[in-house]
């Protein structure tokens, strides 16, 4: 007959299921937006983080001899490991940074899993709700803000209309991509 030890009961299964469901909700949102980390990645991150928390809480109760027990050490290592995964999601091409939000969402998903695995179900649910508020609510709000007014001075958009075959586009591209910024104030 199967004998369950402390930390392996319906409560812990419920915490794992909560982490799975909440993480899957976050991952579904990212997947629907065609982000690099989607449903499966976020679900596994949240579920794994929850299991690590449960192992941290209950996994060392029967260790032989004097054991220094500090469950916060496992939590700290989860945060470090997720930072490593998140770093792999961030890409920099020229002056554009891509993947920062996805990396942050993976980090939040791990936190949701940790909270669920730690028995903090209300916090896990609240942070999942906070995620949706940020990605939907703040996205909608930012589209309505007058961003142009807050751009740093010296940054401008350029609209170029030119006639083909006169070399104007080539000259503009050369001047605009010079590393010393010499194109400022240039008249064509």
Protein backbone atom coordinates (compact mmCIF):
# COMPACT_ATOMS: atom_id res chain seq x y z
CA UNK A 1 0.00 0.00 0.00
CA UNK A 2 1.19 3.52 -0.82
CA UNK A 3 2.16 5.48 2.26
CA UNK A 4 2.17 9.25 1.89
CA UNK A 5 4.48 11.32 4.03
CA UNK A 6 3.89 14.86 5.20
CA UNK A 7 3.86 17.25 2.29
CA UNK A 8 2.38 14.76 -0.15
CA UNK A 9 -1.35 15.11 0.15
CA UNK A 10 -4.36 16.64 -1.47
CA UNK A 11 -3.38 20.11 -0.27
CA UNK A 12 -0.08 19.96 -2.14
CA UNK A 13 -1.72 18.49 -5.24
CA UNK A 14 -4.17 21.39 -5.07
CA UNK A 15 -1.29 23.86 -4.85
CA UNK A 16 0.35 22.26 -7.88
CA UNK A 17 -2.93 22.35 -9.81
CA UNK A 18 -3.43 26.00 -8.91
CA UNK A 19 0.06 26.81 -10.17
CA UNK A 20 -0.63 24.84 -13.35
CA UNK A 21 -3.94 26.60 -14.05
CA UNK A 22 -2.72 30.12 -13.27
CA UNK A 23 0.53 29.67 -15.19
CA UNK A 24 -1.37 28.22 -18.14
CA UNK A 25 -3.65 31.29 -18.15
CA UNK A 26 -0.62 33.56 -18.33
CA UNK A 27 0.99 31.37 -20.98
CA UNK A 28 -2.18 31.31 -23.05
CA UNK A 29 -2.22 35.10 -23.16
CA UNK A 30 1.43 35.17 -24.29
CA UNK A 31 0.79 32.46 -26.87
CA UNK A 32 -2.21 34.29 -28.31
CA UNK A 33 0.06 37.30 -28.79
CA UNK A 34 2.61 35.11 -30.60
CA UNK A 35 5.38 35.75 -28.09
CA UNK A 36 8.51 33.63 -27.98
CA UNK A 37 7.49 31.94 -24.73
CA UNK A 38 3.89 30.78 -24.71
CA UNK A 39 1.49 28.34 -23.13
CA UNK A 40 3.83 25.39 -22.57
CA UNK A 41 6.80 27.43 -21.37
CA UNK A 42 4.85 29.48 -18.85
CA UNK A 43 2.89 26.48 -17.60
CA UNK A 44 6.07 24.50 -17.02
CA UNK A 45 7.83 27.45 -15.34
CA UNK A 46 4.95 27.99 -12.90
CA UNK A 47 4.44 24.30 -12.20
CA UNK A 48 8.17 23.71 -11.71
CA UNK A 49 8.48 26.69 -9.37
CA UNK A 50 5.55 25.37 -7.32
CA UNK A 51 7.16 21.96 -7.04
CA UNK A 52 10.47 23.49 -5.99
CA UNK A 53 8.65 25.39 -3.25
CA UNK A 54 6.94 22.21 -2.06
CA UNK A 55 10.24 20.34 -2.05
CA UNK A 56 11.75 23.22 -0.12
CA UNK A 57 8.96 23.09 2.46
CA UNK A 58 8.63 19.34 2.88
CA UNK A 59 11.41 17.52 1.10
CA UNK A 60 14.05 17.61 3.81
CA UNK A 61 12.01 16.63 6.86
CA UNK A 62 13.46 13.13 7.01
CA UNK A 63 17.08 14.01 6.30
CA UNK A 64 19.40 12.11 8.66
CA UNK A 65 21.56 13.94 11.16
CA UNK A 66 21.68 17.63 11.97
CA UNK A 67 20.52 19.51 8.88
CA UNK A 68 20.46 23.25 8.52
CA UNK A 69 16.99 23.84 7.12
CA UNK A 70 16.38 27.13 5.31
CA UNK A 71 13.51 26.95 2.80
CA UNK A 72 14.27 30.46 1.54
CA UNK A 73 17.46 29.16 -0.08
CA UNK A 74 15.49 27.15 -2.62
CA UNK A 75 13.26 30.14 -3.36
CA UNK A 76 16.32 32.31 -3.97
CA UNK A 77 17.69 29.74 -6.40
CA UNK A 78 14.40 29.65 -8.31
CA UNK A 79 14.66 33.41 -8.81
CA UNK A 80 18.25 33.07 -10.06
CA UNK A 81 17.39 30.23 -12.42
CA UNK A 82 14.43 32.07 -13.89
CA UNK A 83 16.67 35.09 -14.41
CA UNK A 84 18.87 32.88 -16.55
CA UNK A 85 15.90 31.69 -18.62
CA UNK A 86 14.60 35.24 -18.94
CA UNK A 87 17.99 36.47 -20.12
CA UNK A 88 17.79 34.00 -22.98
CA UNK A 89 14.51 35.53 -24.12
CA UNK A 90 15.92 39.03 -24.53
CA UNK A 91 17.33 39.97 -27.92
CA UNK A 92 19.11 43.15 -28.93
CA UNK A 93 19.30 44.06 -32.59
CA UNK A 94 20.84 47.39 -33.42
CA UNK A 95 18.99 49.80 -31.16
CA UNK A 96 15.90 47.63 -30.60
CA UNK A 97 15.44 45.45 -27.52
CA UNK A 98 12.93 42.62 -27.91
CA UNK A 99 11.63 40.14 -25.37
CA UNK A 100 11.86 42.20 -22.18
CA UNK A 101 8.17 41.88 -21.41
CA UNK A 102 8.20 38.16 -22.16
CA UNK A 103 11.20 37.71 -19.83
CA UNK A 104 9.40 39.69 -17.12
CA UNK A 105 6.25 37.60 -17.59
CA UNK A 106 8.26 34.38 -17.22
CA UNK A 107 9.66 35.82 -13.99
CA UNK A 108 6.16 36.71 -12.74
CA UNK A 109 4.91 33.24 -13.71
CA UNK A 110 7.64 31.68 -11.59
CA UNK A 111 6.57 33.91 -8.71
CA UNK A 112 2.95 32.80 -9.16
CA UNK A 113 4.09 29.18 -9.07
CA UNK A 114 6.20 29.84 -5.98
CA UNK A 115 3.25 31.48 -4.23
CA UNK A 116 0.93 28.61 -5.14
CA UNK A 117 3.50 26.04 -4.01
CA UNK A 118 4.08 28.00 -0.84
CA UNK A 119 0.39 27.84 0.04
CA UNK A 120 -0.21 31.50 -0.72
CA UNK A 121 -3.10 30.89 -3.10
CA UNK A 122 -4.72 34.31 -2.71
CA UNK A 123 -1.46 36.04 -3.64
CA UNK A 124 -0.97 33.70 -6.60
CA UNK A 125 -4.45 34.52 -7.91
CA UNK A 126 -4.01 38.26 -7.26
CA UNK A 127 -0.69 38.40 -9.13
CA UNK A 128 -2.18 36.47 -12.05
CA UNK A 129 -4.96 39.06 -12.16
CA UNK A 130 -2.31 41.79 -11.93
CA UNK A 131 -0.56 40.28 -14.93
CA UNK A 132 -3.71 40.58 -17.04
CA UNK A 133 -4.33 44.11 -15.80
CA UNK A 134 -0.82 45.12 -16.88
CA UNK A 135 -0.71 43.42 -20.28
CA UNK A 136 -4.22 44.41 -21.34
CA UNK A 137 -5.02 47.50 -19.29
CA UNK A 138 -1.68 49.26 -19.52
CA UNK A 139 -1.29 48.36 -23.20
CA UNK A 140 -4.62 50.03 -23.95
CA UNK A 141 -3.70 53.02 -21.79
CA UNK A 142 -0.28 53.48 -23.38
CA UNK A 143 -1.86 53.60 -26.86
CA UNK A 144 -3.95 56.56 -25.72
CA UNK A 145 -1.13 58.56 -24.16
CA UNK A 146 0.46 61.43 -26.12
CA UNK A 147 3.87 59.73 -26.31
CA UNK A 148 5.32 62.21 -28.82
CA UNK A 149 5.19 64.95 -26.22
CA UNK A 150 7.44 62.98 -23.85
CA UNK A 151 10.16 61.90 -26.30
CA UNK A 152 13.65 63.13 -25.41
CA UNK A 153 14.70 66.31 -27.16
CA UNK A 154 16.86 65.81 -30.19
CA UNK A 155 14.90 62.73 -31.25
CA UNK A 156 12.79 63.26 -34.32
CA UNK A 157 11.04 61.27 -36.97
CA UNK A 158 12.06 61.83 -40.56
CA UNK A 159 9.79 61.43 -43.55
CA UNK A 160 11.65 61.38 -46.81
CA UNK A 161 10.18 61.79 -50.24
CA UNK A 162 12.68 61.49 -53.09
CA UNK A 163 12.98 60.86 -56.80
CA UNK A 164 14.34 57.53 -57.90
CA UNK A 165 17.69 57.28 -59.62
CA UNK A 166 19.36 60.36 -58.15
CA UNK A 167 21.20 58.69 -55.25
CA UNK A 168 19.33 60.63 -52.59
CA UNK A 169 18.30 57.58 -50.59
CA UNK A 170 21.85 56.22 -50.49
CA UNK A 171 23.20 59.57 -49.24
CA UNK A 172 20.49 59.82 -46.57
CA UNK A 173 21.17 56.31 -45.32
CA UNK A 174 24.92 56.93 -45.16
CA UNK A 175 24.46 60.18 -43.24
CA UNK A 176 21.84 58.83 -40.84
CA UNK A 177 23.85 55.75 -39.92
CA UNK A 178 27.14 57.51 -39.22
CA UNK A 179 28.27 56.64 -35.68
CA UNK A 180 29.37 60.19 -34.88
CA UNK A 181 25.90 61.60 -35.46
CA UNK A 182 27.21 64.00 -38.09
CA UNK A 183 23.88 63.94 -39.89
CA UNK A 184 22.41 66.38 -37.39
CA UNK A 185 21.69 69.67 -38.98
CA UNK A 186 22.66 68.40 -42.42
CA UNK A 187 20.70 69.91 -45.29
CA UNK A 188 20.14 67.96 -48.47
